[in-house]
Each structure stands twice: as structure tokens, then as C-alpha cells.
Amino acid sequence: MRVAGTILFIPLVLWFLIAAGRGNLKRVRWPVAAVCVSLVLLALCVWNLVPLYDRAAADDLWQVGVLRVSGNALKSGLMAVVFLVVGASIGAIGWLLSAAASASPICKALIPALIASGVLMLLGQTNFAATMVPMPVLFLILIAIAASIFLNQTIYGRYLFALGRNEEAARYSGIDTKRMIVVAYVLCALAAGLGGILFSLDVNSVQPSGFGNFYELYAIAAAVLGGCSLRGGEGNVLGVVIGAAVMRVLYNAINILGISTKLEFAIIGLVILAGAMVDVVVKRVIASRAAKADAAQVANR
């Protein structure tokens, strides 16, 4: 897997960057620069901070500049820096993929193959027995790849986007909206059933009367944080995966900071509310700019 992934990944990356540069160099130059800087910082963290984290003991005292900190404080600081760099790297790569996809149709077509080859290369270089990667993560990767291909590379995925954007317009354009609604419910039920199986294996018990209550809030919040519009018709799988990861980080932060678990759903509700407000504001700004552009074109004529 490592050899096959590397052989496929490197030419695809070069082809992707060349196509993006030819499509619109101005649009992708800053995302490319952000990816390069974030990857350099990530390499420095792996070479310098990770070994320092392994050497730091809880009872040790470390001199950091003018401060003397304990081993636990040093580990917490190093962990925060590494998390920030990893988050910046993920954000920069997502920015590059989005900018390149809008700059060139070739790049948009290469994104699924690029992600698949990259995952294949990482799987070949990773010893899962040593890293103890949870099995649900592998299910997440496989489902994300399948969902991305279905939504972006098949006609039925485009039908679902059109249906979410405007059901009436989709019906007038010839789409069988009733059948596509059934397909959407079936796919959601399939994903929910798989999630229920994984949750039951995790807790080792299931109570049908109350198991999974309020978990839909996590799903909605993850989708909102991932860029999906509550109005429908917008979003991407990569954003949803990142949003789900952010939700788990938020859940862990609530436990680490000692915040009462009774406020957990209130915090998630605030996240959903903020996402809905941002969605409405962005929609209005885009509509205002489009109206101004149309008025300027009419005036020029």
C-alpha cells in the first residue's frame, strides 16, 4: 500500500498543482503558500516538539525563556502548539482544495483520486496495531470517501444537491423529487443504523427506549460547523468530517475544563445557533453583492 500510494499520490499532486496554476494562478498562490508554511511548521513540530514531549516528565522543572514550568504544564503547552499546527495544516489543505476546484475543472475531478491515494499512502506507512487507531475511524474514512464520490461524481448526488437547494425547481427540471427524497431517507437511515451499531459496541449495552437521545444535535452541529447550509443544497463531506472532529474536541474540552455536563447540550445549541446566524448573514451579503454587480452591469450598458 505504501509503494502504490506513493506512486499514485506524487504524480497526482504535481498534476493537481500544475492544473491549478494554469487555471487561475492568482487564486491558488496564497493557499499553496499557506500549505507549504503549515507543512514546514508541522515537520518542525514532529522533529523538535514531539521528542521533547516524550522526554518531559510530570515532576520535572523546565526553563522556558524566563519562565520555569512543570513537566505537565510543558506537555500541555506542547500539545496545544501541535494541535494548532495540525489544525492550520488541515485548514490550509482544505483552502487549497476549494480554491483549486473553483479555478480548474481538472482539479475538481482530481480531488477524489488525490484523497484516495493520500489515504492509501498513509495507511501503508502506518502500523495500526502500534498507533491503536479505533476501528470507527476506518469506517469514517471509508464512508467519507464513498459519500464524496456519490455526491460529487454521480448524477444522483447532483440531484440531491438540487433537491436541497430548491425542491420545486428540481421537480420542474425533470428530477423525480419524491424518489430522491426516499433515497435520501434510506441513505440517512443506513448511516444512522451503522452509527447505532458502533455506539452499541462502544458502550456494550443498548436501551431502545433512550439510547442515542440528543445525538442528532451532534450531527446537526457537525454539519453546520463543516459548512453545510441549514437551508440545504450546500456543503461537502470533508467539511462535515472536520466539523465532527471539532465537536469531539469541544466535548473533550468541556470535560477537561470541568464544565458541568448539564451545559453540554446548551453549548451545542449555541454552536448551532451561531452557525444558523452566520449562514443567514453570509446569504444576505452574497445576495447584496450580486445585486450590486447586476446594477453595475446595467449601468455600464
Protein backbone atom coordinates (compact mmCIF):
# COMPACT_ATOMS: atom_id res chain seq x y z
CA MET A 1 0.00 0.00 0.00
CA ARG A 2 2.81 2.40 0.82
CA VAL A 3 4.52 1.94 -2.57
CA ALA A 4 1.27 2.01 -4.52
CA GLY A 5 0.02 5.06 -2.63
CA THR A 6 3.28 6.95 -3.14
CA ILE A 7 3.43 6.09 -6.84
CA LEU A 8 -0.12 7.36 -7.30
CA PHE A 9 -0.06 10.29 -4.87
CA ILE A 10 3.05 12.20 -6.02
CA PRO A 11 2.11 12.42 -9.75
CA LEU A 12 -1.46 13.36 -8.80
CA VAL A 13 -0.21 16.17 -6.55
CA LEU A 14 2.04 17.54 -9.30
CA TRP A 15 -0.76 17.29 -11.87
CA PHE A 16 -3.16 18.95 -9.41
CA LEU A 17 -0.83 21.90 -8.74
CA ILE A 18 0.04 22.39 -12.43
CA ALA A 19 -3.64 22.36 -13.41
CA ALA A 20 -4.49 24.79 -10.61
CA GLY A 21 -1.70 27.16 -11.65
CA ARG A 22 -2.81 27.10 -15.27
CA GLY A 23 -6.45 27.58 -14.32
CA ASN A 24 -6.02 30.62 -12.09
CA LEU A 25 -2.63 31.20 -10.51
CA LYS A 26 -3.71 34.26 -8.51
CA ARG A 27 -6.49 32.30 -6.81
CA VAL A 28 -4.31 29.41 -5.66
CA ARG A 29 -0.99 31.08 -4.85
CA TRP A 30 -1.93 32.06 -1.32
CA PRO A 31 -3.47 28.65 -0.47
CA VAL A 32 -0.33 26.95 -1.81
CA ALA A 33 1.84 29.25 0.31
CA ALA A 34 -0.32 28.50 3.38
CA VAL A 35 0.00 24.75 2.80
CA CYS A 36 3.79 24.97 2.42
CA VAL A 37 4.21 27.07 5.58
CA SER A 38 1.88 24.84 7.62
CA LEU A 39 3.63 21.67 6.46
CA VAL A 40 7.04 23.13 7.35
CA LEU A 41 5.73 24.02 10.82
CA LEU A 42 4.26 20.52 11.15
CA ALA A 43 7.62 18.96 10.23
CA LEU A 44 9.38 21.15 12.82
CA CYS A 45 6.84 20.05 15.44
CA VAL A 46 7.44 16.39 14.62
CA TRP A 47 11.21 16.75 14.73
CA ASN A 48 11.53 19.04 17.77
CA LEU A 49 8.40 19.22 19.91
CA VAL A 50 7.30 15.56 19.85
CA PRO A 51 10.68 14.26 21.16
CA LEU A 52 10.60 16.99 23.81
CA TYR A 53 7.11 15.88 24.82
CA ASP A 54 8.36 12.30 25.24
CA ARG A 55 11.27 13.42 27.44
CA ALA A 56 9.22 15.68 29.70
CA ALA A 57 8.25 14.02 32.98
CA ALA A 58 5.42 15.18 35.23
CA ASP A 59 7.68 16.09 38.19
CA ASP A 60 10.43 17.82 36.17
CA LEU A 61 11.01 21.57 36.07
CA TRP A 62 11.78 23.14 32.71
CA GLN A 63 13.14 26.56 31.89
CA VAL A 64 11.16 28.09 29.00
CA GLY A 65 12.56 31.54 28.32
CA VAL A 66 12.15 33.48 31.56
CA LEU A 67 9.55 31.06 32.92
CA ARG A 68 10.07 27.90 34.94
CA VAL A 69 7.27 25.42 34.31
CA SER A 70 6.47 21.90 35.40
CA GLY A 71 6.54 18.90 33.13
CA ASN A 72 2.74 18.75 32.98
CA ALA A 73 2.49 22.41 32.00
CA LEU A 74 5.17 21.95 29.36
CA LYS A 75 3.35 18.94 27.92
CA SER A 76 0.07 20.88 27.82
CA GLY A 77 1.75 23.77 26.02
CA LEU A 78 3.45 21.48 23.51
CA MET A 79 0.18 19.66 22.88
CA ALA A 80 -1.64 22.96 22.27
CA VAL A 81 1.03 24.10 19.79
CA VAL A 82 0.94 20.79 17.91
CA PHE A 83 -2.87 20.84 17.76
CA LEU A 84 -2.85 24.39 16.42
CA VAL A 85 -0.30 23.49 13.74
CA VAL A 86 -2.23 20.35 12.75
CA GLY A 87 -5.46 22.36 12.57
CA ALA A 88 -3.74 25.03 10.47
CA SER A 89 -2.42 22.34 8.12
CA ILE A 90 -5.87 20.80 7.69
CA GLY A 91 -7.41 24.22 7.12
CA ALA A 92 -4.74 25.17 4.57
CA ILE A 93 -5.20 21.92 2.65
CA GLY A 94 -8.97 22.41 2.61
CA TRP A 95 -8.48 26.01 1.42
CA LEU A 96 -6.22 24.80 -1.39
CA LEU A 97 -8.67 22.09 -2.48
CA SER A 98 -11.55 24.55 -2.53
CA ALA A 99 -9.61 27.25 -4.39
CA ALA A 100 -8.17 24.81 -6.93
CA ALA A 101 -11.57 23.19 -7.54
CA SER A 102 -13.05 26.60 -8.37
CA ALA A 103 -10.03 27.54 -10.50
CA SER A 104 -9.91 24.47 -12.74
CA PRO A 105 -12.38 21.66 -13.57
CA ILE A 106 -9.41 19.29 -13.87
CA CYS A 107 -8.53 19.92 -10.21
CA LYS A 108 -12.13 19.32 -9.17
CA ALA A 109 -12.07 15.96 -10.95
CA LEU A 110 -8.71 15.03 -9.38
CA ILE A 111 -9.73 15.67 -5.76
CA PRO A 112 -11.31 12.22 -5.07
CA ALA A 113 -8.32 10.39 -6.59
CA LEU A 114 -5.92 12.66 -4.69
CA ILE A 115 -7.64 11.98 -1.36
CA ALA A 116 -7.86 8.23 -2.03
CA SER A 117 -4.18 7.93 -2.96
CA GLY A 118 -3.15 10.04 0.03
CA VAL A 119 -5.15 7.86 2.40
CA LEU A 120 -3.67 4.76 0.75
CA MET A 121 -0.15 6.08 1.25
CA LEU A 122 -0.82 6.94 4.91
CA LEU A 123 -2.32 3.51 5.53
CA GLY A 124 0.77 1.89 4.06
CA GLN A 125 3.07 3.90 6.34
CA THR A 126 1.03 3.39 9.50
CA ASN A 127 1.19 0.48 11.88
CA PHE A 128 -2.36 0.46 13.22
CA ALA A 129 -1.51 -2.06 15.93
CA ALA A 130 1.09 0.38 17.32
CA THR A 131 -0.99 3.54 16.94
CA MET A 132 -4.17 1.87 18.26
CA VAL A 133 -6.39 3.71 15.76
CA PRO A 134 -10.04 2.99 16.68
CA MET A 135 -11.95 0.93 14.17
CA PRO A 136 -14.69 3.62 13.84
CA VAL A 137 -12.05 5.89 12.31
CA LEU A 138 -11.57 3.39 9.48
CA PHE A 139 -15.34 3.26 8.98
CA LEU A 140 -15.35 7.07 8.93
CA ILE A 141 -12.70 7.19 6.20
CA LEU A 142 -14.44 4.61 4.03
CA ILE A 143 -17.88 6.22 4.40
CA ALA A 144 -16.46 9.69 3.75
CA ILE A 145 -14.78 8.53 0.53
CA ALA A 146 -17.92 6.72 -0.64
CA ALA A 147 -20.15 9.71 0.22
CA SER A 148 -17.80 12.14 -1.54
CA ILE A 149 -17.79 10.04 -4.71
CA PHE A 150 -21.57 9.62 -4.60
CA LEU A 151 -22.35 13.30 -4.03
CA ASN A 152 -19.78 14.80 -6.41
CA GLN A 153 -19.25 12.23 -9.14
CA THR A 154 -22.72 10.73 -9.74
CA ILE A 155 -25.87 12.20 -11.23
CA TYR A 156 -27.92 11.18 -8.20
CA GLY A 157 -25.64 13.13 -5.90
CA ARG A 158 -26.18 16.23 -8.01
CA TYR A 159 -29.91 15.54 -7.89
CA LEU A 160 -29.74 15.59 -4.07
CA PHE A 161 -27.91 18.93 -4.10
CA ALA A 162 -30.51 20.37 -6.49
CA LEU A 163 -33.31 18.96 -4.33
CA GLY A 164 -31.84 20.55 -1.23
CA ARG A 165 -31.40 23.89 -2.95
CA ASN A 166 -34.94 24.17 -4.32
CA GLU A 167 -37.33 21.23 -4.43
CA GLU A 168 -39.83 22.92 -6.72
CA ALA A 169 -37.17 23.98 -9.24
CA ALA A 170 -35.70 20.47 -9.16
CA ARG A 171 -39.13 18.98 -9.91
CA TYR A 172 -39.68 21.38 -12.82
CA SER A 173 -36.26 20.46 -14.23
CA GLY A 174 -37.32 16.83 -14.59
CA ILE A 175 -35.97 15.28 -11.36
CA ASP A 176 -38.19 12.71 -9.67
CA THR A 177 -38.12 14.53 -6.32
CA LYS A 178 -40.30 12.00 -4.47
CA ARG A 179 -37.96 9.16 -5.37
CA MET A 180 -34.87 11.21 -4.46
CA ILE A 181 -36.41 12.08 -1.08
CA VAL A 182 -36.86 8.37 -0.42
CA VAL A 183 -33.23 7.76 -1.47
CA ALA A 184 -32.06 10.47 0.93
CA TYR A 185 -34.01 8.96 3.83
CA VAL A 186 -32.72 5.47 3.03
CA LEU A 187 -29.09 6.65 2.97
CA CYS A 188 -29.53 8.60 6.21
CA ALA A 189 -31.17 5.58 7.87
CA LEU A 190 -28.31 3.36 6.69
CA ALA A 191 -25.72 5.73 8.16
CA ALA A 192 -27.72 6.07 11.39
CA GLY A 193 -28.02 2.30 11.70
CA LEU A 194 -24.28 1.86 11.24
CA GLY A 195 -23.65 4.57 13.82
CA GLY A 196 -26.00 2.83 16.24
CA ILE A 197 -24.12 -0.45 15.81
CA LEU A 198 -20.80 1.26 16.52
CA PHE A 199 -22.23 3.05 19.57
CA SER A 200 -23.67 -0.18 20.95
CA LEU A 201 -20.30 -1.91 20.53
CA ASP A 202 -18.64 1.01 22.33
CA VAL A 203 -20.90 1.05 25.41
CA ASN A 204 -21.60 -2.71 25.29
CA SER A 205 -25.30 -2.23 26.04
CA VAL A 206 -28.36 -0.75 24.36
CA GLN A 207 -31.60 0.58 25.81
CA PRO A 208 -34.08 1.04 22.95
CA SER A 209 -36.18 3.50 24.95
CA GLY A 210 -33.47 6.10 25.41
CA PHE A 211 -30.28 5.14 23.61
CA GLY A 212 -28.96 7.85 21.30
CA ASN A 213 -31.13 10.67 22.63
CA PHE A 214 -29.93 14.12 21.52
CA TYR A 215 -27.17 12.66 19.36
CA GLU A 216 -28.87 14.35 16.43
CA LEU A 217 -27.64 17.63 17.91
CA TYR A 218 -24.06 16.46 17.40
CA ALA A 219 -24.83 15.59 13.78
CA ILE A 220 -26.50 18.94 13.07
CA ALA A 221 -23.75 20.92 14.81
CA ALA A 222 -21.01 18.99 12.96
CA ALA A 223 -22.73 19.67 9.62
CA VAL A 224 -23.14 23.36 10.42
CA LEU A 225 -19.52 23.72 11.52
CA GLY A 226 -18.47 21.86 8.38
CA GLY A 227 -20.03 24.46 6.10
CA CYS A 228 -23.37 22.80 5.33
CA SER A 229 -26.20 25.25 4.93
CA LEU A 230 -29.28 24.71 7.07
CA ARG A 231 -31.27 25.83 4.03
CA GLY A 232 -29.93 22.84 2.07
CA GLY A 233 -28.08 22.43 -1.20
CA GLU A 234 -24.62 23.36 0.09
CA GLY A 235 -21.82 21.50 1.83
CA ASN A 236 -19.07 18.96 1.34
CA VAL A 237 -18.01 15.74 3.02
CA LEU A 238 -14.57 16.98 4.08
CA GLY A 239 -16.13 19.90 5.93
CA VAL A 240 -18.53 17.57 7.76
CA VAL A 241 -15.64 15.33 8.84
CA ILE A 242 -13.74 18.36 10.16
CA GLY A 243 -16.90 19.60 11.89
CA ALA A 244 -17.39 16.21 13.56
CA ALA A 245 -13.78 16.29 14.77
CA VAL A 246 -14.34 19.79 16.18
CA MET A 247 -17.42 18.56 18.04
CA ARG A 248 -15.43 15.80 19.72
CA VAL A 249 -12.72 18.31 20.65
CA LEU A 250 -15.45 20.54 22.10
CA TYR A 251 -16.85 17.62 24.09
CA ASN A 252 -13.40 16.76 25.48
CA ALA A 253 -12.75 20.43 26.29
CA ILE A 254 -15.97 20.54 28.33
CA ASN A 255 -14.75 17.57 30.40
CA ILE A 256 -11.18 18.83 30.74
CA LEU A 257 -12.25 22.35 31.81
CA GLY A 258 -14.61 20.89 34.39
CA ILE A 259 -17.74 22.45 32.89
CA SER A 260 -20.94 20.80 34.08
CA THR A 261 -22.20 18.17 31.68
CA LYS A 262 -25.67 19.70 32.12
CA LEU A 263 -24.46 22.62 30.00
CA GLU A 264 -23.16 20.36 27.22
CA PHE A 265 -26.31 20.49 25.11
CA ALA A 266 -26.68 24.22 25.77
CA ILE A 267 -23.19 24.78 24.35
CA ILE A 268 -24.00 22.61 21.33
CA GLY A 269 -27.22 24.56 20.85
CA LEU A 270 -25.26 27.82 20.88
CA VAL A 271 -22.96 26.40 18.22
CA ILE A 272 -25.95 25.53 16.02
CA LEU A 273 -27.48 28.97 16.64
CA ALA A 274 -24.22 30.70 15.73
CA GLY A 275 -23.95 28.60 12.58
CA ALA A 276 -27.51 29.48 11.55
CA MET A 277 -26.86 33.19 12.14
CA VAL A 278 -23.65 33.09 10.13
CA ASP A 279 -25.46 31.23 7.34
CA VAL A 280 -28.15 33.92 7.13
CA VAL A 281 -25.61 36.77 7.22
CA VAL A 282 -23.48 35.16 4.50
CA LYS A 283 -26.54 34.60 2.32
CA ARG A 284 -27.57 38.24 2.66
CA VAL A 285 -24.06 39.52 1.94
CA ILE A 286 -23.78 37.34 -1.17
CA ALA A 287 -27.22 38.44 -2.38
CA SER A 288 -26.34 42.10 -1.77
CA ARG A 289 -23.09 41.81 -3.69
CA ALA A 290 -24.83 40.03 -6.57
CA ALA A 291 -27.47 42.77 -6.72
CA LYS A 292 -24.80 45.47 -6.76
CA ALA A 293 -22.89 43.65 -9.52
CA ASP A 294 -26.06 43.35 -11.61
CA ALA A 295 -26.85 47.02 -11.08
CA ALA A 296 -23.31 47.99 -12.11
CA GLN A 297 -23.57 45.90 -15.29
CA VAL A 298 -26.90 47.50 -16.16
CA ALA A 299 -25.43 50.97 -15.55
CA ASN A 300 -22.43 50.23 -17.77
CA ARG A 301 -24.72 49.18 -20.60
